[in-house]
Amino acid sequence: MTTNAPKSPLPQFVCQVCGGFLQQDSSLDTIDEQMIKPIASSATICDESYNELQQGGSDGTIVIRKTLGRKRLSQSSLDSTNGFAFVAHDLNKDIEQKSMREYRIDINIHERLYDFLSEQYTFDHPLCQECTDTLLDKLDVDLQMATHELTSYKKLLEQLNLSANGQQENYEKLKQELIELDKEEERIKNELLKLEQENERLQNESEQLTKEEQSLEQEEIRYLRDYNEQKRLLFEAEDEQKSIDNQTKHARAQYEKLSKTNAFNAAFHIWHQEHFGTINGFRLGRLPSINVEWSEINAALGQAALLLNALAKRVDLQFAKYKIIPLGSHSYIEDLNESKNGKFVQLPLYTGRRRLTWDTPFDKALIAFLDCVNQFKLAIESKNQRFCLPYKMNEKQKGVITDSNGHQFHVIYQVSKQEEWTKALKYMLTNLKWGLTWITSQLPDDMTTSNAIPSPSSPTVTSPR
């Protein structure tokens, strides 16, 4: 096909690539309906395609409007010509010679031909000469590339065939390995089944153990509560035990302290204060310069009577002719050799006179008391001949006490000066202290207040002023 001006009475088509007008070859003029039928029967022709002939333009050109169901048959030419194909002016004469229907049939025949060609190839028809040459060059390049690819594929196929021949030798080995792998797979499946069963059993045991663990936790909580309660009771018992131990230690310390304390020494403290002998703080005696109250002297004599009576009981001594009755500040001595009105004569160890001019019973009581001290000395000497008192008392001379220098002092207040009488009473208390010391040294384990000191029935002795 050429792009020269058309002279044929057939309609003029455009190139589907460049859009130029085409002149059909004269061999296409003889194509009729009978020739196109075998082609049309094997090709898909759109029945909706039609041509509408219109006359337009100032020169009377016939315009063929194409409406196609297939885009690839005339899309490029229709886009280039806005959907119109121009037909030569000479076509008016042919149209006059042919009817419109016959002309339409001719156009449809050619269109079916181009549709068939377009379906057979990957490009649309019709094409001009230049576009055809360009297309052929492109096809040559595609052919070379396809030939090159075919050569490459052949080489690859040969390599695959060689590799297949080499792998054929290992086929039996691989087949044997596959059989062994199948057996191994079966064994592993069986082992997996056993493991699943074992896992299920372990899960059941785990659930059972979890329940037991929860039960044990509850029991542990209960035991902890009991333990804490018992521990609290233990702490309370330990605190109580510590308290008891402290009390016991204190009681033991007090006991040891008291066990080392002599009951006589604690109950009767004999000491001196300047010129006076004292017992439990009470002074015994009087001086011109120091006027001691008689109430204090009476109390001191009562304490001395109580001490002598307790010491006599300690050595199981029964005084001859006398009996000491300790009654505090009103203590007295009964004369067992004299009686009056059926009663023993009482010799008072106290006096109530402000000025003692002559008190015979009081003096007799002091003489009797000194005699009882002498009897106590003799009782101790009978037990221990090495025992002796610092101041001597003579049985023949009643009421007389002698110091280490041989000076004699009377306990009778009327016949002595106050200084001498005070010394006599001081020496008498000193002899009592020595006797007390010997008693405590001989009987240390039995010096208790309950059995060493008799309970006086008299009122408590008043303290001196």
Protein backbone atom coordinates (compact mmCIF):
# COMPACT_ATOMS: atom_id res chain seq x y z
CA MET A 1 0.00 0.00 0.00
CA THR A 2 1.13 3.54 -0.83
CA THR A 3 0.22 6.92 0.48
CA ASN A 4 -0.38 8.59 -2.92
CA ALA A 5 -3.69 10.22 -3.70
CA PRO A 6 -6.29 7.56 -4.29
CA LYS A 7 -7.82 6.97 -7.66
CA SER A 8 -9.79 3.87 -6.86
CA PRO A 9 -13.51 4.11 -6.31
CA LEU A 10 -13.04 2.12 -3.00
CA PRO A 11 -12.98 3.95 0.28
CA GLN A 12 -9.62 5.21 1.48
CA PHE A 13 -8.20 3.83 4.81
CA VAL A 14 -5.47 5.28 6.99
CA CYS A 15 -2.32 3.62 8.43
CA GLN A 16 -2.87 2.27 11.96
CA VAL A 17 0.60 3.49 13.07
CA CYS A 18 1.37 6.84 11.45
CA GLY A 19 -2.22 7.78 10.47
CA GLY A 20 -1.39 8.56 6.81
CA PHE A 21 -3.81 7.91 3.94
CA LEU A 22 -3.42 4.56 2.18
CA GLN A 23 -3.95 3.55 -1.44
CA GLN A 24 -5.09 -0.04 -1.69
CA ASP A 25 -3.56 -2.36 -4.22
CA SER A 26 -5.63 -3.10 -7.31
CA SER A 27 -5.69 -6.79 -6.37
CA LEU A 28 -8.05 -5.88 -3.54
CA ASP A 29 -10.63 -4.56 -6.03
CA THR A 30 -11.65 -8.07 -7.03
CA ILE A 31 -12.43 -9.18 -3.46
CA ASP A 32 -16.09 -9.89 -3.09
CA GLU A 33 -18.40 -11.40 -0.48
CA GLN A 34 -17.74 -14.96 -1.62
CA MET A 35 -13.99 -14.61 -1.14
CA ILE A 36 -14.26 -13.07 2.31
CA LYS A 37 -16.64 -15.66 3.72
CA PRO A 38 -13.97 -18.31 4.53
CA ILE A 39 -11.89 -15.62 6.17
CA ALA A 40 -14.83 -14.03 7.96
CA SER A 41 -16.00 -17.41 9.24
CA SER A 42 -12.66 -17.90 11.05
CA ALA A 43 -12.35 -14.33 12.26
CA THR A 44 -14.25 -12.43 14.89
CA ILE A 45 -15.99 -9.52 13.21
CA CYS A 46 -17.89 -7.02 15.22
CA ASP A 47 -21.47 -6.86 14.06
CA GLU A 48 -21.90 -3.48 15.68
CA SER A 49 -19.48 -1.83 13.16
CA TYR A 50 -21.16 0.29 10.51
CA ASN A 51 -20.28 3.04 8.09
CA GLU A 52 -22.25 6.12 7.73
CA LEU A 53 -21.70 7.93 4.47
CA GLN A 54 -22.17 11.59 4.54
CA GLN A 55 -21.45 14.24 2.01
CA GLY A 56 -19.70 17.28 3.34
CA GLY A 57 -17.05 19.83 2.63
CA SER A 58 -17.08 22.52 -0.02
CA ASP A 59 -15.63 20.17 -2.68
CA GLY A 60 -18.26 17.49 -2.19
CA THR A 61 -15.94 14.95 -0.49
CA ILE A 62 -17.62 11.80 0.81
CA VAL A 63 -16.81 11.16 4.58
CA ILE A 64 -16.98 7.62 5.94
CA ARG A 65 -17.69 7.70 9.72
CA LYS A 66 -16.43 4.49 11.44
CA THR A 67 -17.89 3.21 14.69
CA LEU A 68 -16.05 -0.03 15.69
CA GLY A 69 -16.40 -2.55 18.48
CA ARG A 70 -12.65 -3.34 18.29
CA LYS A 71 -10.31 -0.56 19.27
CA ARG A 72 -7.23 -2.12 17.69
CA LEU A 73 -8.72 -2.15 14.15
CA SER A 74 -9.02 1.60 13.74
CA GLN A 75 -8.28 3.33 17.10
CA SER A 76 -5.10 5.12 15.95
CA SER A 77 -6.60 6.27 12.62
CA LEU A 78 -9.81 7.33 14.28
CA ASP A 79 -7.88 9.34 16.90
CA SER A 80 -5.84 11.03 14.13
CA THR A 81 -8.85 11.92 12.00
CA ASN A 82 -11.31 12.53 14.80
CA GLY A 83 -13.23 9.41 13.80
CA PHE A 84 -13.49 10.22 10.06
CA ALA A 85 -11.89 8.77 6.93
CA PHE A 86 -11.78 10.94 3.83
CA VAL A 87 -12.83 9.44 0.51
CA ALA A 88 -11.76 10.79 -2.88
CA HIS A 89 -13.93 13.22 -4.79
CA ASP A 90 -14.27 10.81 -7.67
CA LEU A 91 -16.22 8.52 -5.40
CA ASN A 92 -19.33 10.57 -6.10
CA LYS A 93 -19.42 9.16 -9.60
CA ASP A 94 -19.08 5.63 -8.35
CA ILE A 95 -21.80 6.27 -5.84
CA GLU A 96 -23.95 7.45 -8.57
CA GLN A 97 -23.17 4.25 -10.46
CA LYS A 98 -23.54 2.01 -7.32
CA SER A 99 -26.20 2.08 -4.75
CA MET A 100 -25.37 3.06 -1.18
CA ARG A 101 -26.03 -0.47 0.04
CA GLU A 102 -23.55 -2.03 -2.40
CA TYR A 103 -20.90 0.47 -1.42
CA ARG A 104 -21.43 -0.30 2.22
CA ILE A 105 -21.02 -3.99 1.56
CA ASP A 106 -17.67 -3.33 -0.15
CA ILE A 107 -16.45 -1.33 2.79
CA ASN A 108 -17.51 -4.05 5.26
CA ILE A 109 -15.70 -6.69 3.21
CA HIS A 110 -12.43 -4.78 3.38
CA GLU A 111 -12.89 -4.10 7.04
CA ARG A 112 -13.42 -7.81 7.76
CA LEU A 113 -10.23 -8.54 5.85
CA TYR A 114 -8.24 -6.05 7.95
CA ASP A 115 -9.85 -7.36 11.12
CA PHE A 116 -8.76 -10.88 10.30
CA LEU A 117 -5.21 -9.74 9.63
CA SER A 118 -5.11 -7.76 12.85
CA GLU A 119 -6.25 -10.80 14.85
CA GLN A 120 -3.55 -12.96 13.34
CA TYR A 121 -0.70 -10.65 14.33
CA THR A 122 0.26 -8.52 17.28
CA PHE A 123 -0.24 -5.26 15.34
CA ASP A 124 -3.23 -3.69 13.66
CA HIS A 125 -3.89 -3.44 9.90
CA PRO A 126 -3.76 -1.72 7.49
CA LEU A 127 -0.20 -0.37 7.45
CA CYS A 128 1.70 1.91 5.08
CA GLN A 129 4.93 0.85 3.35
CA GLU A 130 7.23 2.75 5.67
CA CYS A 131 5.55 1.49 8.83
CA THR A 132 5.67 -2.01 7.39
CA ASP A 133 9.44 -1.76 6.79
CA THR A 134 9.98 -0.40 10.30
CA LEU A 135 7.87 -3.20 11.71
CA LEU A 136 9.82 -5.80 9.74
CA ASP A 137 13.13 -4.42 11.09
CA LYS A 138 11.74 -4.65 14.59
CA LEU A 139 10.60 -8.22 13.94
CA ASP A 140 14.11 -9.09 12.66
CA VAL A 141 15.59 -7.83 15.93
CA ASP A 142 13.02 -9.81 17.89
CA LEU A 143 13.86 -12.87 15.80
CA GLN A 144 17.59 -12.52 16.57
CA MET A 145 16.85 -12.19 20.28
CA ALA A 146 14.57 -15.21 20.16
CA THR A 147 17.25 -17.18 18.30
CA HIS A 148 19.81 -16.21 20.95
CA GLU A 149 17.44 -17.25 23.72
CA LEU A 150 16.77 -20.54 21.91
CA THR A 151 20.52 -21.24 21.77
CA SER A 152 20.87 -20.49 25.47
CA TYR A 153 17.94 -22.75 26.32
CA LYS A 154 19.45 -25.56 24.26
CA LYS A 155 22.75 -25.26 26.13
CA LEU A 156 20.89 -25.25 29.44
CA LEU A 157 18.90 -28.31 28.36
CA GLU A 158 22.12 -30.14 27.48
CA GLN A 159 23.55 -29.29 30.91
CA LEU A 160 20.38 -30.51 32.58
CA ASN A 161 20.54 -33.76 30.60
CA LEU A 162 24.16 -34.27 31.62
CA SER A 163 23.27 -33.52 35.24
CA ALA A 164 20.35 -35.94 35.05
CA ASN A 165 22.66 -38.67 33.76
CA GLY A 166 25.03 -38.00 36.67
CA GLN A 167 22.20 -38.03 39.20
CA GLN A 168 20.87 -41.30 37.85
CA GLU A 169 23.80 -43.03 39.45
CA ASN A 170 22.80 -41.69 42.88
CA TYR A 171 19.14 -42.46 42.40
CA GLU A 172 19.28 -45.85 44.05
CA LYS A 173 21.29 -44.46 46.92
CA LEU A 174 18.87 -41.58 47.34
CA LYS A 175 15.97 -43.99 47.08
CA GLN A 176 17.49 -46.14 49.82
CA GLU A 177 18.08 -43.03 51.93
CA LEU A 178 14.48 -42.01 51.32
CA ILE A 179 13.30 -45.43 52.53
CA GLU A 180 15.47 -45.08 55.63
CA LEU A 181 14.18 -41.57 56.18
CA ASP A 182 10.61 -42.86 55.88
CA LYS A 183 11.40 -45.48 58.52
CA GLU A 184 13.05 -42.84 60.69
CA GLU A 185 10.02 -40.64 60.22
CA GLU A 186 7.74 -43.50 61.26
CA ARG A 187 9.90 -44.17 64.29
CA ILE A 188 9.94 -40.50 65.24
CA LYS A 189 6.15 -40.37 64.81
CA ASN A 190 5.78 -43.35 67.13
CA GLU A 191 8.16 -41.76 69.59
CA LEU A 192 6.27 -38.48 69.32
CA LEU A 193 3.03 -40.35 70.03
CA LYS A 194 4.60 -41.89 73.11
CA LEU A 195 5.93 -38.50 74.18
CA GLU A 196 2.48 -36.99 73.75
CA GLN A 197 1.03 -39.74 75.90
CA GLU A 198 3.77 -39.20 78.44
CA ASN A 199 3.15 -35.45 78.29
CA GLU A 200 -0.56 -36.01 78.93
CA ARG A 201 0.28 -38.24 81.88
CA LEU A 202 2.71 -35.65 83.23
CA GLN A 203 0.08 -32.94 82.83
CA ASN A 204 -2.37 -35.03 84.84
CA GLU A 205 0.29 -35.59 87.49
CA SER A 206 1.10 -31.88 87.41
CA GLU A 207 -2.55 -31.00 88.02
CA GLN A 208 -2.70 -33.49 90.86
CA LEU A 209 0.53 -32.11 92.33
CA THR A 210 -0.81 -28.57 91.95
CA LYS A 211 -3.87 -29.52 93.97
CA GLU A 212 -1.69 -31.17 96.57
CA GLU A 213 0.55 -28.09 96.61
CA GLN A 214 -2.44 -25.83 97.22
CA SER A 215 -3.60 -28.13 100.00
CA LEU A 216 -0.11 -28.11 101.51
CA GLU A 217 0.03 -24.32 101.25
CA GLN A 218 -3.25 -24.05 103.16
CA GLU A 219 -1.93 -26.49 105.74
CA GLU A 220 1.35 -24.55 105.90
CA ILE A 221 -0.56 -21.32 106.53
CA ARG A 222 -2.47 -23.04 109.33
CA TYR A 223 0.76 -24.43 110.79
CA LEU A 224 2.40 -21.01 110.55
CA ARG A 225 -0.49 -19.47 112.42
CA ASP A 226 -0.22 -22.16 115.10
CA TYR A 227 3.56 -21.68 115.15
CA ASN A 228 3.23 -17.92 115.55
CA GLU A 229 0.72 -18.41 118.36
CA GLN A 230 2.98 -20.90 120.09
CA LYS A 231 5.95 -18.60 119.55
CA ARG A 232 4.00 -15.73 121.08
CA LEU A 233 3.17 -17.93 124.06
CA LEU A 234 6.84 -18.95 124.22
CA PHE A 235 7.93 -15.31 124.26
CA GLU A 236 5.45 -14.59 127.02
CA ALA A 237 6.70 -17.64 128.93
CA GLU A 238 10.30 -16.56 128.37
CA ASP A 239 9.48 -13.07 129.60
CA GLU A 240 7.77 -14.54 132.63
CA GLN A 241 10.70 -16.91 133.15
CA LYS A 242 13.15 -14.00 132.92
CA SER A 243 11.04 -12.10 135.40
CA ILE A 244 11.00 -15.10 137.72
CA ASP A 245 14.76 -15.55 137.23
CA ASN A 246 15.32 -11.90 138.09
CA GLN A 247 13.11 -12.24 141.12
CA THR A 248 14.95 -15.43 142.07
CA LYS A 249 18.32 -13.71 141.65
CA HIS A 250 17.13 -10.81 143.75
CA ALA A 251 15.72 -13.17 146.37
CA ARG A 252 18.95 -15.22 146.32
CA ALA A 253 21.03 -12.05 146.66
CA GLN A 254 18.86 -10.95 149.55
CA TYR A 255 19.10 -14.42 151.05
CA GLU A 256 22.88 -14.44 150.72
CA LYS A 257 23.00 -10.98 152.18
CA LEU A 258 20.72 -11.99 155.02
CA SER A 259 22.54 -15.31 155.50
CA LYS A 260 25.73 -13.36 156.08
CA THR A 261 23.91 -11.06 158.47
CA ASN A 262 23.85 -12.16 162.07
CA ALA A 263 20.43 -11.85 163.61
CA PHE A 264 21.80 -10.79 166.99
CA ASN A 265 24.12 -8.23 165.47
CA ALA A 266 21.30 -6.88 163.32
CA ALA A 267 18.84 -6.79 166.21
CA PHE A 268 21.23 -5.53 168.90
CA HIS A 269 23.82 -3.03 167.81
CA ILE A 270 26.10 -2.32 170.77
CA TRP A 271 28.51 0.56 170.33
CA HIS A 272 29.70 3.65 172.15
CA GLN A 273 29.08 7.35 171.88
CA GLU A 274 31.72 9.41 173.66
CA HIS A 275 31.51 8.32 177.31
CA PHE A 276 28.29 6.36 176.90
CA GLY A 277 27.74 2.81 175.95
CA THR A 278 24.82 2.48 173.46
CA ILE A 279 22.53 -0.34 172.39
CA ASN A 280 20.45 0.26 169.28
CA GLY A 281 21.18 3.95 169.64
CA PHE A 282 19.99 4.28 173.22
CA ARG A 283 22.54 5.74 175.62
CA LEU A 284 23.02 4.04 178.96
CA GLY A 285 24.21 6.31 181.80
CA ARG A 286 24.27 9.95 182.85
CA LEU A 287 26.86 12.70 183.25
CA PRO A 288 26.67 16.02 185.03
CA SER A 289 27.33 17.79 181.77
CA ILE A 290 25.02 15.54 179.70
CA ASN A 291 21.66 14.98 181.27
CA VAL A 292 20.35 11.83 179.53
CA GLU A 293 16.63 11.35 179.93
CA TRP A 294 15.55 8.45 182.08
CA SER A 295 13.19 7.28 179.37
CA GLU A 296 16.23 6.69 177.11
CA ILE A 297 18.03 4.91 179.93
CA ASN A 298 14.93 2.74 180.54
CA ALA A 299 14.77 1.85 176.85
CA ALA A 300 18.47 0.93 176.77
CA LEU A 301 18.00 -1.32 179.84
CA GLY A 302 14.99 -2.94 178.16
CA GLN A 303 17.07 -3.73 175.01
CA ALA A 304 19.88 -5.12 177.18
CA ALA A 305 17.40 -7.32 179.08
CA LEU A 306 15.99 -8.64 175.80
CA LEU A 307 19.50 -9.44 174.48
CA LEU A 308 20.60 -11.23 177.64
CA ASN A 309 17.43 -13.28 177.74
CA ALA A 310 17.93 -14.33 174.06
CA LEU A 311 21.58 -15.27 174.62
CA ALA A 312 20.63 -17.37 177.65
CA LYS A 313 18.09 -19.28 175.59
CA ARG A 314 20.71 -19.85 172.93
CA VAL A 315 22.96 -21.67 175.37
CA ASP A 316 20.03 -23.25 177.27
CA LEU A 317 20.78 -21.27 180.39
CA GLN A 318 18.33 -21.07 183.26
CA PHE A 319 19.29 -18.22 185.57
CA ALA A 320 19.57 -19.10 189.21
CA LYS A 321 17.36 -16.99 191.53
CA TYR A 322 16.28 -14.66 188.71
CA LYS A 323 14.06 -14.55 185.68
CA ILE A 324 14.31 -11.73 183.19
CA ILE A 325 11.04 -10.44 181.78
CA PRO A 326 11.85 -8.15 178.73
CA LEU A 327 9.09 -5.58 178.32
CA GLY A 328 10.83 -2.76 176.55
CA SER A 329 11.04 0.41 178.66
CA HIS A 330 9.24 -1.43 181.50
CA SER A 331 11.29 -4.61 181.65
CA TYR A 332 11.84 -6.19 185.05
CA ILE A 333 13.46 -9.16 186.83
CA GLU A 334 11.63 -11.59 189.04
CA ASP A 335 13.43 -12.60 192.23
CA LEU A 336 12.70 -16.31 192.54
CA ASN A 337 13.86 -16.39 196.18
CA GLU A 338 11.43 -13.77 197.43
CA SER A 339 7.67 -13.74 197.07
CA LYS A 340 4.92 -11.48 198.22
CA ASN A 341 1.25 -12.29 198.17
CA GLY A 342 2.00 -15.50 196.34
CA LYS A 343 3.98 -13.75 193.62
CA PHE A 344 7.65 -13.35 192.98
CA VAL A 345 9.04 -9.97 193.82
CA GLN A 346 9.52 -7.85 190.72
CA LEU A 347 12.68 -5.81 190.44
CA PRO A 348 12.09 -3.05 187.84
CA LEU A 349 14.78 -2.20 185.30
CA TYR A 350 13.35 1.24 184.92
CA THR A 351 12.59 4.28 187.04
CA GLY A 352 10.21 7.13 186.57
CA ARG A 353 11.63 9.69 189.00
CA ARG A 354 12.92 12.99 187.71
CA ARG A 355 15.47 13.10 190.51
CA LEU A 356 16.66 9.75 191.68
CA THR A 357 17.44 10.17 195.38
CA TRP A 358 16.99 6.61 196.63
CA ASP A 359 15.38 3.81 194.57
CA THR A 360 16.16 0.48 196.20
CA PRO A 361 14.16 -1.74 193.73
CA PHE A 362 15.91 -0.17 190.73
CA ASP A 363 19.34 -0.70 192.30
CA LYS A 364 18.45 -4.30 193.19
CA ALA A 365 17.34 -4.83 189.59
CA LEU A 366 20.72 -3.56 188.30
CA ILE A 367 22.54 -5.87 190.75
CA ALA A 368 20.40 -8.81 189.63
CA PHE A 369 20.98 -8.02 185.95
CA LEU A 370 24.76 -7.90 186.45
CA ASP A 371 24.53 -11.22 188.29
CA CYS A 372 22.67 -12.73 185.31
CA VAL A 373 25.43 -11.47 182.99
CA ASN A 374 27.96 -13.21 185.27
CA GLN A 375 25.94 -16.46 185.12
CA PHE A 376 25.93 -16.21 181.31
CA LYS A 377 29.73 -15.83 181.39
CA LEU A 378 30.07 -18.92 183.54
CA ALA A 379 27.84 -20.90 181.18
CA ILE A 380 30.07 -20.01 178.22
CA GLU A 381 33.24 -20.80 180.17
CA SER A 382 31.81 -24.25 180.89
CA LYS A 383 31.63 -24.82 177.15
CA ASN A 384 34.88 -23.07 176.27
CA GLN A 385 37.47 -22.63 178.93
CA ARG A 386 39.48 -20.24 176.82
CA PHE A 387 36.59 -17.80 176.79
CA CYS A 388 36.89 -14.71 178.98
CA LEU A 389 35.31 -11.31 179.23
CA PRO A 390 37.28 -8.03 179.23
CA TYR A 391 35.74 -6.85 182.50
CA LYS A 392 35.54 -9.07 185.55
CA MET A 393 32.43 -9.53 187.67
CA ASN A 394 32.73 -10.89 191.23
CA GLU A 395 30.04 -13.11 192.73
CA LYS A 396 31.01 -12.11 196.25
CA GLN A 397 30.83 -8.41 195.57
CA LYS A 398 27.37 -7.87 194.19
CA GLY A 399 26.96 -5.07 191.68
CA VAL A 400 30.68 -4.49 191.18
CA ILE A 401 32.55 -4.68 187.84
CA THR A 402 36.35 -4.40 187.60
CA ASP A 403 38.40 -3.09 184.69
CA SER A 404 41.78 -4.38 183.50
CA ASN A 405 43.57 -2.00 185.90
CA GLY A 406 41.69 -3.36 188.90
CA HIS A 407 39.48 -0.35 189.40
CA GLN A 408 36.02 -1.24 190.64
CA PHE A 409 32.83 0.40 189.51
CA HIS A 410 29.37 -0.05 191.06
CA VAL A 411 26.19 -0.38 189.03
CA ILE A 412 24.27 0.96 192.05
CA TYR A 413 23.38 4.51 191.24
CA GLN A 414 23.19 5.73 194.88
CA VAL A 415 26.74 4.74 195.91
CA SER A 416 28.52 5.91 192.73
CA LYS A 417 29.13 9.10 191.06
CA GLN A 418 27.42 9.58 187.70
CA GLU A 419 30.74 9.18 185.82
CA GLU A 420 31.52 5.87 187.61
CA TRP A 421 27.97 4.61 187.23
CA THR A 422 28.08 5.42 183.48
CA LYS A 423 31.40 3.53 183.12
CA ALA A 424 30.00 0.53 185.00
CA LEU A 425 27.02 0.34 182.65
CA LYS A 426 29.34 0.81 179.62
CA TYR A 427 31.56 -2.10 180.79
CA MET A 428 28.47 -4.26 181.35
CA LEU A 429 27.33 -3.61 177.71
CA THR A 430 30.86 -4.43 176.50
CA ASN A 431 30.71 -7.84 178.25
CA LEU A 432 27.32 -8.46 176.57
CA LYS A 433 28.82 -7.63 173.19
CA TRP A 434 31.64 -10.12 173.74
CA GLY A 435 29.16 -12.82 174.69
CA LEU A 436 27.11 -11.95 171.61
CA THR A 437 30.20 -12.25 169.42
CA TRP A 438 31.01 -15.70 170.79
CA ILE A 439 27.45 -16.92 170.26
CA THR A 440 27.40 -15.76 166.64
CA SER A 441 30.79 -17.37 165.95
CA GLN A 442 29.78 -20.71 167.43
CA LEU A 443 26.34 -21.02 165.88
CA PRO A 444 26.45 -19.14 162.55
CA ASP A 445 23.96 -21.34 160.71
CA ASP A 446 21.28 -21.06 163.33
CA MET A 447 21.22 -17.34 163.88
CA THR A 448 17.76 -16.65 162.50
CA THR A 449 15.42 -14.01 163.73
CA SER A 450 12.69 -16.55 164.45
CA ASN A 451 14.68 -18.71 166.79
CA ALA A 452 17.32 -16.26 168.01
CA ILE A 453 15.21 -13.36 169.15
CA PRO A 454 12.12 -13.95 171.27
CA SER A 455 9.08 -11.90 170.44
CA PRO A 456 8.47 -9.42 173.26
CA SER A 457 4.95 -9.00 174.47
CA SER A 458 5.63 -5.44 175.53
CA PRO A 459 5.01 -2.34 173.37
CA THR A 460 7.68 -1.00 171.07
CA VAL A 461 10.44 0.92 172.82
CA THR A 462 10.25 4.64 172.13
CA SER A 463 13.29 6.25 170.63
CA PRO A 464 15.31 8.64 172.80
CA ARG A 465 14.97 12.32 172.41
